[in-house]
Amino acid sequence: MKSATIPSLRVDPALRADAESVLKEGETLSAFVENSLRAQIHYRKTQAEFIARGLASLAEAERTGVYYTTEEVLGRLKAKLDAAKAAREE
């Protein structure tokens, strides 16, 4: 597969300087931009999936009439967290 290019990006010199100031040793600005782009793509896909699950959950609650309070949900999450912590300690 051939590689593709991302359109060049014109930015304020201060933004470029800020970006260059946080580069890790041996890291290029191009690598930083590519990693940032990948991270933003992952974030947006994850966010879209989260919203889709929430809307599906809402539709299921409306269909069945079964709703859970905040306390019930947080209680279940706390129980899972406590169980996971206990399993790690064993």
PDB file of N, CA and C in Angstrom:
ATOM      1  N   MET A   1       0.851  -1.163   0.000  1.00  0.00           N
ATOM      2  CA  MET A   1       0.000   0.000   0.000  1.00  0.00           C
ATOM      3  C   MET A   1       0.903   1.234   0.000  1.00  0.00           C
ATOM      4  N   LYS A   2       0.558   2.176  -0.827  1.00  0.00           N
ATOM      5  CA  LYS A   2       1.312   3.429  -0.876  1.00  0.00           C
ATOM      6  C   LYS A   2       0.983   4.281   0.341  1.00  0.00           C
ATOM      7  N   SER A   3       1.959   5.051   0.760  1.00  0.00           N
ATOM      8  CA  SER A   3       1.679   5.975   1.858  1.00  0.00           C
ATOM      9  C   SER A   3       0.999   7.215   1.296  1.00  0.00           C
ATOM     10  N   ALA A   4       0.303   7.901   2.157  1.00  0.00           N
ATOM     11  CA  ALA A   4      -0.399   9.125   1.775  1.00  0.00           C
ATOM     12  C   ALA A   4       0.146  10.267   2.609  1.00  0.00           C
ATOM     13  N   THR A   5      -0.163  11.458   2.202  1.00  0.00           N
ATOM     14  CA  THR A   5       0.286  12.619   2.962  1.00  0.00           C
ATOM     15  C   THR A   5      -0.908  13.344   3.553  1.00  0.00           C
ATOM     16  N   ILE A   6      -0.648  14.023   4.632  1.00  0.00           N
ATOM     17  CA  ILE A   6      -1.636  14.895   5.263  1.00  0.00           C
ATOM     18  C   ILE A   6      -1.365  16.294   4.716  1.00  0.00           C
ATOM     19  N   PRO A   7      -2.394  17.062   4.440  1.00  0.00           N
ATOM     20  CA  PRO A   7      -2.153  18.421   3.935  1.00  0.00           C
ATOM     21  C   PRO A   7      -1.252  19.218   4.879  1.00  0.00           C
ATOM     22  N   SER A   8      -0.417  20.046   4.299  1.00  0.00           N
ATOM     23  CA  SER A   8       0.442  20.880   5.137  1.00  0.00           C
ATOM     24  C   SER A   8      -0.434  21.806   5.973  1.00  0.00           C
ATOM     25  N   LEU A   9       0.102  22.172   7.092  1.00  0.00           N
ATOM     26  CA  LEU A   9      -0.682  22.925   8.060  1.00  0.00           C
ATOM     27  C   LEU A   9       0.054  24.209   8.413  1.00  0.00           C
ATOM     28  N   ARG A  10      -0.573  25.321   8.146  1.00  0.00           N
ATOM     29  CA  ARG A  10       0.026  26.601   8.506  1.00  0.00           C
ATOM     30  C   ARG A  10      -0.448  26.967   9.905  1.00  0.00           C
ATOM     31  N   VAL A  11       0.521  27.282  10.763  1.00  0.00           N
ATOM     32  CA  VAL A  11       0.189  27.627  12.145  1.00  0.00           C
ATOM     33  C   VAL A  11       0.957  28.874  12.555  1.00  0.00           C
ATOM     34  N   ASP A  12       0.501  29.463  13.602  1.00  0.00           N
ATOM     35  CA  ASP A  12       1.182  30.602  14.193  1.00  0.00           C
ATOM     36  C   ASP A  12       2.565  30.148  14.668  1.00  0.00           C
ATOM     37  N   PRO A  13       3.592  30.953  14.496  1.00  0.00           N
ATOM     38  CA  PRO A  13       4.933  30.573  14.947  1.00  0.00           C
ATOM     39  C   PRO A  13       4.990  30.191  16.429  1.00  0.00           C
ATOM     40  N   ALA A  14       4.159  30.821  17.241  1.00  0.00           N
ATOM     41  CA  ALA A  14       4.140  30.494  18.671  1.00  0.00           C
ATOM     42  C   ALA A  14       3.644  29.066  18.905  1.00  0.00           C
ATOM     43  N   LEU A  15       2.657  28.631  18.124  1.00  0.00           N
ATOM     44  CA  LEU A  15       2.150  27.267  18.255  1.00  0.00           C
ATOM     45  C   LEU A  15       3.230  26.266  17.860  1.00  0.00           C
ATOM     46  N   ARG A  16       3.927  26.550  16.775  1.00  0.00           N
ATOM     47  CA  ARG A  16       5.013  25.660  16.353  1.00  0.00           C
ATOM     48  C   ARG A  16       6.087  25.598  17.437  1.00  0.00           C
ATOM     49  N   ALA A  17       6.432  26.724  17.996  1.00  0.00           N
ATOM     50  CA  ALA A  17       7.443  26.747  19.054  1.00  0.00           C
ATOM     51  C   ALA A  17       6.980  25.952  20.267  1.00  0.00           C
ATOM     52  N   ASP A  18       5.714  26.089  20.629  1.00  0.00           N
ATOM     53  CA  ASP A  18       5.163  25.321  21.754  1.00  0.00           C
ATOM     54  C   ASP A  18       5.246  23.821  21.470  1.00  0.00           C
ATOM     55  N   ALA A  19       4.891  23.438  20.246  1.00  0.00           N
ATOM     56  CA  ALA A  19       4.950  22.019  19.869  1.00  0.00           C
ATOM     57  C   ALA A  19       6.386  21.509  19.933  1.00  0.00           C
ATOM     58  N   GLU A  20       7.294  22.266  19.406  1.00  0.00           N
ATOM     59  CA  GLU A  20       8.700  21.851  19.413  1.00  0.00           C
ATOM     60  C   GLU A  20       9.256  21.786  20.836  1.00  0.00           C
ATOM     61  N   SER A  21       8.726  22.608  21.721  1.00  0.00           N
ATOM     62  CA  SER A  21       9.240  22.649  23.096  1.00  0.00           C
ATOM     63  C   SER A  21       8.883  21.399  23.894  1.00  0.00           C
ATOM     64  N   VAL A  22       7.889  20.644  23.448  1.00  0.00           N
ATOM     65  CA  VAL A  22       7.469  19.457  24.194  1.00  0.00           C
ATOM     66  C   VAL A  22       7.904  18.157  23.521  1.00  0.00           C
ATOM     67  N   LEU A  23       8.676  18.245  22.446  1.00  0.00           N
ATOM     68  CA  LEU A  23       9.141  17.033  21.777  1.00  0.00           C
ATOM     69  C   LEU A  23      10.063  16.240  22.700  1.00  0.00           C
ATOM     70  N   LYS A  24       9.932  14.923  22.648  1.00  0.00           N
ATOM     71  CA  LYS A  24      10.820  14.051  23.416  1.00  0.00           C
ATOM     72  C   LYS A  24      12.140  13.943  22.670  1.00  0.00           C
ATOM     73  N   GLU A  25      13.155  13.495  23.362  1.00  0.00           N
ATOM     74  CA  GLU A  25      14.468  13.356  22.748  1.00  0.00           C
ATOM     75  C   GLU A  25      14.384  12.436  21.527  1.00  0.00           C
ATOM     76  N   GLY A  26      14.854  12.933  20.401  1.00  0.00           N
ATOM     77  CA  GLY A  26      14.846  12.161  19.169  1.00  0.00           C
ATOM     78  C   GLY A  26      13.534  12.191  18.405  1.00  0.00           C
ATOM     79  N   GLU A  27      12.511  12.787  18.965  1.00  0.00           N
ATOM     80  CA  GLU A  27      11.197  12.852  18.316  1.00  0.00           C
ATOM     81  C   GLU A  27      11.178  14.019  17.334  1.00  0.00           C
ATOM     82  N   THR A  28      10.591  13.779  16.182  1.00  0.00           N
ATOM     83  CA  THR A  28      10.466  14.837  15.189  1.00  0.00           C
ATOM     84  C   THR A  28       9.098  15.482  15.309  1.00  0.00           C
ATOM     85  N   LEU A  29       9.003  16.674  14.765  1.00  0.00           N
ATOM     86  CA  LEU A  29       7.717  17.360  14.752  1.00  0.00           C
ATOM     87  C   LEU A  29       6.705  16.568  13.939  1.00  0.00           C
ATOM     88  N   SER A  30       7.155  15.963  12.842  1.00  0.00           N
ATOM     89  CA  SER A  30       6.258  15.143  12.017  1.00  0.00           C
ATOM     90  C   SER A  30       5.719  13.961  12.812  1.00  0.00           C
ATOM     91  N   ALA A  31       6.587  13.295  13.575  1.00  0.00           N
ATOM     92  CA  ALA A  31       6.144  12.154  14.383  1.00  0.00           C
ATOM     93  C   ALA A  31       5.156  12.615  15.453  1.00  0.00           C
ATOM     94  N   PHE A  32       5.426  13.778  16.051  1.00  0.00           N
ATOM     95  CA  PHE A  32       4.527  14.326  17.060  1.00  0.00           C
ATOM     96  C   PHE A  32       3.147  14.595  16.463  1.00  0.00           C
ATOM     97  N   VAL A  33       3.124  15.217  15.288  1.00  0.00           N
ATOM     98  CA  VAL A  33       1.850  15.526  14.630  1.00  0.00           C
ATOM     99  C   VAL A  33       1.120  14.231  14.271  1.00  0.00           C
ATOM    100  N   GLU A  34       1.841  13.232  13.758  1.00  0.00           N
ATOM    101  CA  GLU A  34       1.205  11.954  13.404  1.00  0.00           C
ATOM    102  C   GLU A  34       0.625  11.285  14.643  1.00  0.00           C
ATOM    103  N   ASN A  35       1.385  11.254  15.732  1.00  0.00           N
ATOM    104  CA  ASN A  35       0.882  10.644  16.969  1.00  0.00           C
ATOM    105  C   ASN A  35      -0.328  11.399  17.513  1.00  0.00           C
ATOM    106  N   SER A  36      -0.286  12.723  17.415  1.00  0.00           N
ATOM    107  CA  SER A  36      -1.423  13.534  17.868  1.00  0.00           C
ATOM    108  C   SER A  36      -2.666  13.252  17.028  1.00  0.00           C
ATOM    109  N   LEU A  37      -2.474  13.111  15.732  1.00  0.00           N
ATOM    110  CA  LEU A  37      -3.583  12.808  14.834  1.00  0.00           C
ATOM    111  C   LEU A  37      -4.179  11.443  15.159  1.00  0.00           C
ATOM    112  N   ARG A  38      -3.308  10.449  15.363  1.00  0.00           N
ATOM    113  CA  ARG A  38      -3.798   9.109  15.724  1.00  0.00           C
ATOM    114  C   ARG A  38      -4.572   9.143  17.045  1.00  0.00           C
ATOM    115  N   ALA A  39      -4.047   9.868  18.013  1.00  0.00           N
ATOM    116  CA  ALA A  39      -4.716   9.955  19.316  1.00  0.00           C
ATOM    117  C   ALA A  39      -6.081  10.620  19.187  1.00  0.00           C
ATOM    118  N   GLN A  40      -6.188  11.669  18.394  1.00  0.00           N
ATOM    119  CA  GLN A  40      -7.455  12.369  18.214  1.00  0.00           C
ATOM    120  C   GLN A  40      -8.468  11.491  17.467  1.00  0.00           C
ATOM    121  N   ILE A  41      -7.997  10.725  16.492  1.00  0.00           N
ATOM    122  CA  ILE A  41      -8.881   9.797  15.778  1.00  0.00           C
ATOM    123  C   ILE A  41      -9.419   8.752  16.745  1.00  0.00           C
ATOM    124  N   HIS A  42      -8.522   8.183  17.563  1.00  0.00           N
ATOM    125  CA  HIS A  42      -8.939   7.180  18.550  1.00  0.00           C
ATOM    126  C   HIS A  42      -9.957   7.784  19.527  1.00  0.00           C
ATOM    127  N   TYR A  43      -9.669   8.986  20.007  1.00  0.00           N
ATOM    128  CA  TYR A  43     -10.568   9.656  20.946  1.00  0.00           C
ATOM    129  C   TYR A  43     -11.958   9.851  20.340  1.00  0.00           C
ATOM    130  N   ARG A  44     -11.995  10.328  19.115  1.00  0.00           N
ATOM    131  CA  ARG A  44     -13.298  10.610  18.493  1.00  0.00           C
ATOM    132  C   ARG A  44     -14.078   9.334  18.206  1.00  0.00           C
ATOM    133  N   LYS A  45     -13.384   8.264  17.800  1.00  0.00           N
ATOM    134  CA  LYS A  45     -14.078   6.991  17.582  1.00  0.00           C
ATOM    135  C   LYS A  45     -14.625   6.456  18.896  1.00  0.00           C
ATOM    136  N   THR A  46     -13.807   6.525  19.939  1.00  0.00           N
ATOM    137  CA  THR A  46     -14.234   6.055  21.258  1.00  0.00           C
ATOM    138  C   THR A  46     -15.425   6.871  21.757  1.00  0.00           C
ATOM    139  N   GLN A  47     -15.368   8.181  21.560  1.00  0.00           N
ATOM    140  CA  GLN A  47     -16.458   9.059  21.970  1.00  0.00           C
ATOM    141  C   GLN A  47     -17.746   8.716  21.210  1.00  0.00           C
ATOM    142  N   ALA A  48     -17.633   8.485  19.907  1.00  0.00           N
ATOM    143  CA  ALA A  48     -18.809   8.142  19.098  1.00  0.00           C
ATOM    144  C   ALA A  48     -19.406   6.809  19.554  1.00  0.00           C
ATOM    145  N   GLU A  49     -18.546   5.835  19.866  1.00  0.00           N
ATOM    146  CA  GLU A  49     -19.032   4.540  20.355  1.00  0.00           C
ATOM    147  C   GLU A  49     -19.721   4.692  21.709  1.00  0.00           C
ATOM    148  N   PHE A  50     -19.160   5.518  22.572  1.00  0.00           N
ATOM    149  CA  PHE A  50     -19.753   5.771  23.888  1.00  0.00           C
ATOM    150  C   PHE A  50     -21.146   6.374  23.739  1.00  0.00           C
ATOM    151  N   ILE A  51     -21.265   7.361  22.867  1.00  0.00           N
ATOM    152  CA  ILE A  51     -22.562   8.011  22.642  1.00  0.00           C
ATOM    153  C   ILE A  51     -23.556   7.020  22.059  1.00  0.00           C
ATOM    154  N   ALA A  52     -23.093   6.180  21.125  1.00  0.00           N
ATOM    155  CA  ALA A  52     -23.980   5.176  20.523  1.00  0.00           C
ATOM    156  C   ALA A  52     -24.478   4.196  21.586  1.00  0.00           C
ATOM    157  N   ARG A  53     -23.583   3.760  22.489  1.00  0.00           N
ATOM    158  CA  ARG A  53     -24.017   2.855  23.559  1.00  0.00           C
ATOM    159  C   ARG A  53     -25.020   3.545  24.476  1.00  0.00           C
ATOM    160  N   GLY A  54     -24.783   4.819  24.777  1.00  0.00           N
ATOM    161  CA  GLY A  54     -25.703   5.560  25.633  1.00  0.00           C
ATOM    162  C   GLY A  54     -27.077   5.699  25.004  1.00  0.00           C
ATOM    163  N   LEU A  55     -27.103   6.012  23.715  1.00  0.00           N
ATOM    164  CA  LEU A  55     -28.391   6.139  23.020  1.00  0.00           C
ATOM    165  C   LEU A  55     -29.107   4.801  22.931  1.00  0.00           C
ATOM    166  N   ALA A  56     -28.349   3.726  22.721  1.00  0.00           N
ATOM    167  CA  ALA A  56     -28.954   2.390  22.679  1.00  0.00           C
ATOM    168  C   ALA A  56     -29.519   2.026  24.049  1.00  0.00           C
ATOM    169  N   SER A  57     -28.794   2.390  25.094  1.00  0.00           N
ATOM    170  CA  SER A  57     -29.265   2.126  26.450  1.00  0.00           C
ATOM    171  C   SER A  57     -30.544   2.908  26.745  1.00  0.00           C
ATOM    172  N   LEU A  58     -30.571   4.162  26.308  1.00  0.00           N
ATOM    173  CA  LEU A  58     -31.767   4.973  26.491  1.00  0.00           C
ATOM    174  C   LEU A  58     -32.952   4.359  25.753  1.00  0.00           C
ATOM    175  N   ALA A  59     -32.720   3.941  24.518  1.00  0.00           N
ATOM    176  CA  ALA A  59     -33.799   3.330  23.735  1.00  0.00           C
ATOM    177  C   ALA A  59     -34.305   2.054  24.413  1.00  0.00           C
ATOM    178  N   GLU A  60     -33.371   1.260  24.963  1.00  0.00           N
ATOM    179  CA  GLU A  60     -33.768   0.026  25.663  1.00  0.00           C
ATOM    180  C   GLU A  60     -34.556   0.360  26.928  1.00  0.00           C
ATOM    181  N   ALA A  61     -34.140   1.375  27.651  1.00  0.00           N
ATOM    182  CA  ALA A  61     -34.871   1.774  28.859  1.00  0.00           C
ATOM    183  C   ALA A  61     -36.270   2.262  28.494  1.00  0.00           C
ATOM    184  N   GLU A  62     -36.370   3.037  27.431  1.00  0.00           N
ATOM    185  CA  GLU A  62     -37.688   3.515  27.003  1.00  0.00           C
ATOM    186  C   GLU A  62     -38.564   2.358  26.532  1.00  0.00           C
ATOM    187  N   ARG A  63     -37.950   1.377  25.875  1.00  0.00           N
ATOM    188  CA  ARG A  63     -38.707   0.222  25.369  1.00  0.00           C
ATOM    189  C   ARG A  63     -39.215  -0.643  26.508  1.00  0.00           C
ATOM    190  N   THR A  64     -38.352  -0.879  27.508  1.00  0.00           N
ATOM    191  CA  THR A  64     -38.712  -1.795  28.594  1.00  0.00           C
ATOM    192  C   THR A  64     -39.321  -1.096  29.802  1.00  0.00           C
ATOM    193  N   GLY A  65     -39.070   0.196  29.931  1.00  0.00           N
ATOM    194  CA  GLY A  65     -39.540   0.916  31.105  1.00  0.00           C
ATOM    195  C   GLY A  65     -38.670   0.688  32.334  1.00  0.00           C
ATOM    196  N   VAL A  66     -37.525   0.021  32.151  1.00  0.00           N
ATOM    197  CA  VAL A  66     -36.618  -0.259  33.263  1.00  0.00           C
ATOM    198  C   VAL A  66     -35.524   0.800  33.262  1.00  0.00           C
ATOM    199  N   TYR A  67     -35.475   1.544  34.338  1.00  0.00           N
ATOM    200  CA  TYR A  67     -34.471   2.589  34.508  1.00  0.00           C
ATOM    201  C   TYR A  67     -33.698   2.322  35.795  1.00  0.00           C
ATOM    202  N   TYR A  68     -32.468   2.780  35.861  1.00  0.00           N
ATOM    203  CA  TYR A  68     -31.633   2.612  37.048  1.00  0.00           C
ATOM    204  C   TYR A  68     -31.253   3.985  37.582  1.00  0.00           C
ATOM    205  N   THR A  69     -31.254   4.101  38.901  1.00  0.00           N
ATOM    206  CA  THR A  69     -30.858   5.363  39.512  1.00  0.00           C
ATOM    207  C   THR A  69     -29.337   5.492  39.481  1.00  0.00           C
ATOM    208  N   THR A  70     -28.881   6.702  39.700  1.00  0.00           N
ATOM    209  CA  THR A  70     -27.442   6.947  39.774  1.00  0.00           C
ATOM    210  C   THR A  70     -26.827   6.101  40.885  1.00  0.00           C
ATOM    211  N   GLU A  71     -27.503   6.024  42.019  1.00  0.00           N
ATOM    212  CA  GLU A  71     -26.996   5.266  43.157  1.00  0.00           C
ATOM    213  C   GLU A  71     -26.852   3.787  42.810  1.00  0.00           C
ATOM    214  N   GLU A  72     -27.819   3.234  42.066  1.00  0.00           N
ATOM    215  CA  GLU A  72     -27.731   1.822  41.675  1.00  0.00           C
ATOM    216  C   GLU A  72     -26.531   1.578  40.756  1.00  0.00           C
ATOM    217  N   VAL A  73     -26.360   2.449  39.789  1.00  0.00           N
ATOM    218  CA  VAL A  73     -25.260   2.296  38.838  1.00  0.00           C
ATOM    219  C   VAL A  73     -23.924   2.449  39.546  1.00  0.00           C
ATOM    220  N   LEU A  74     -23.788   3.499  40.349  1.00  0.00           N
ATOM    221  CA  LEU A  74     -22.528   3.714  41.060  1.00  0.00           C
ATOM    222  C   LEU A  74     -22.261   2.592  42.061  1.00  0.00           C
ATOM    223  N   GLY A  75     -23.304   2.066  42.668  1.00  0.00           N
ATOM    224  CA  GLY A  75     -23.142   0.937  43.588  1.00  0.00           C
ATOM    225  C   GLY A  75     -22.595  -0.294  42.882  1.00  0.00           C
ATOM    226  N   ARG A  76     -23.124  -0.569  41.694  1.00  0.00           N
ATOM    227  CA  ARG A  76     -22.629  -1.719  40.917  1.00  0.00           C
ATOM    228  C   ARG A  76     -21.184  -1.498  40.480  1.00  0.00           C
ATOM    229  N   LEU A  77     -20.877  -0.286  40.066  1.00  0.00           N
ATOM    230  CA  LEU A  77     -19.502   0.013  39.653  1.00  0.00           C
ATOM    231  C   LEU A  77     -18.543  -0.109  40.833  1.00  0.00           C
ATOM    232  N   LYS A  78     -18.965   0.365  42.000  1.00  0.00           N
ATOM    233  CA  LYS A  78     -18.120   0.268  43.189  1.00  0.00           C
ATOM    234  C   LYS A  78     -17.896  -1.190  43.563  1.00  0.00           C
ATOM    235  N   ALA A  79     -18.937  -1.999  43.455  1.00  0.00           N
ATOM    236  CA  ALA A  79     -18.796  -3.426  43.766  1.00  0.00           C
ATOM    237  C   ALA A  79     -17.802  -4.091  42.816  1.00  0.00           C
ATOM    238  N   LYS A  80     -17.852  -3.733  41.530  1.00  0.00           N
ATOM    239  CA  LYS A  80     -16.901  -4.286  40.561  1.00  0.00           C
ATOM    240  C   LYS A  80     -15.480  -3.838  40.894  1.00  0.00           C
ATOM    241  N   LEU A  81     -15.332  -2.574  41.229  1.00  0.00           N
ATOM    242  CA  LEU A  81     -14.022  -2.042  41.577  1.00  0.00           C
ATOM    243  C   LEU A  81     -13.476  -2.728  42.826  1.00  0.00           C
ATOM    244  N   ASP A  82     -14.310  -2.871  43.836  1.00  0.00           N
ATOM    245  CA  ASP A  82     -13.886  -3.532  45.072  1.00  0.00           C
ATOM    246  C   ASP A  82     -13.477  -4.972  44.800  1.00  0.00           C
ATOM    247  N   ALA A  83     -14.224  -5.671  43.954  1.00  0.00           N
ATOM    248  CA  ALA A  83     -13.890  -7.061  43.619  1.00  0.00           C
ATOM    249  C   ALA A  83     -12.564  -7.134  42.865  1.00  0.00           C
ATOM    250  N   ALA A  84     -12.345  -6.200  41.960  1.00  0.00           N
ATOM    251  CA  ALA A  84     -11.091  -6.173  41.201  1.00  0.00           C
ATOM    252  C   ALA A  84      -9.914  -5.888  42.122  1.00  0.00           C
ATOM    253  N   LYS A  85     -10.087  -4.952  43.057  1.00  0.00           N
ATOM    254  CA  LYS A  85      -9.018  -4.643  44.009  1.00  0.00           C
ATOM    255  C   LYS A  85      -8.721  -5.855  44.886  1.00  0.00           C
ATOM    256  N   ALA A  86      -9.756  -6.540  45.348  1.00  0.00           N
ATOM    257  CA  ALA A  86      -9.573  -7.721  46.197  1.00  0.00           C
ATOM    258  C   ALA A  86      -8.843  -8.825  45.428  1.00  0.00           C
ATOM    259  N   ALA A  87      -9.165  -8.977  44.135  1.00  0.00           N
ATOM    260  CA  ALA A  87      -8.515 -10.003  43.314  1.00  0.00           C
ATOM    261  C   ALA A  87      -7.048  -9.685  43.116  1.00  0.00           C
ATOM    262  N   ARG A  88      -6.705  -8.421  43.015  1.00  0.00           N
ATOM    263  CA  ARG A  88      -5.301  -8.024  42.844  1.00  0.00           C
ATOM    264  C   ARG A  88      -4.489  -8.287  44.101  1.00  0.00           C
ATOM    265  N   GLU A  89      -5.125  -8.168  45.251  1.00  0.00           N
ATOM    266  CA  GLU A  89      -4.435  -8.329  46.516  1.00  0.00           C
ATOM    267  C   GLU A  89      -4.170  -9.800  46.825  1.00  0.00           C
ATOM    268  N   GLU A  90      -4.867 -10.699  46.162  1.00  0.00           N
ATOM    269  CA  GLU A  90      -4.695 -12.141  46.434  1.00  0.00           C
ATOM    270  C   GLU A  90      -3.481 -12.684  45.767  1.00  0.00           C
TER     271      GLU A  90
END
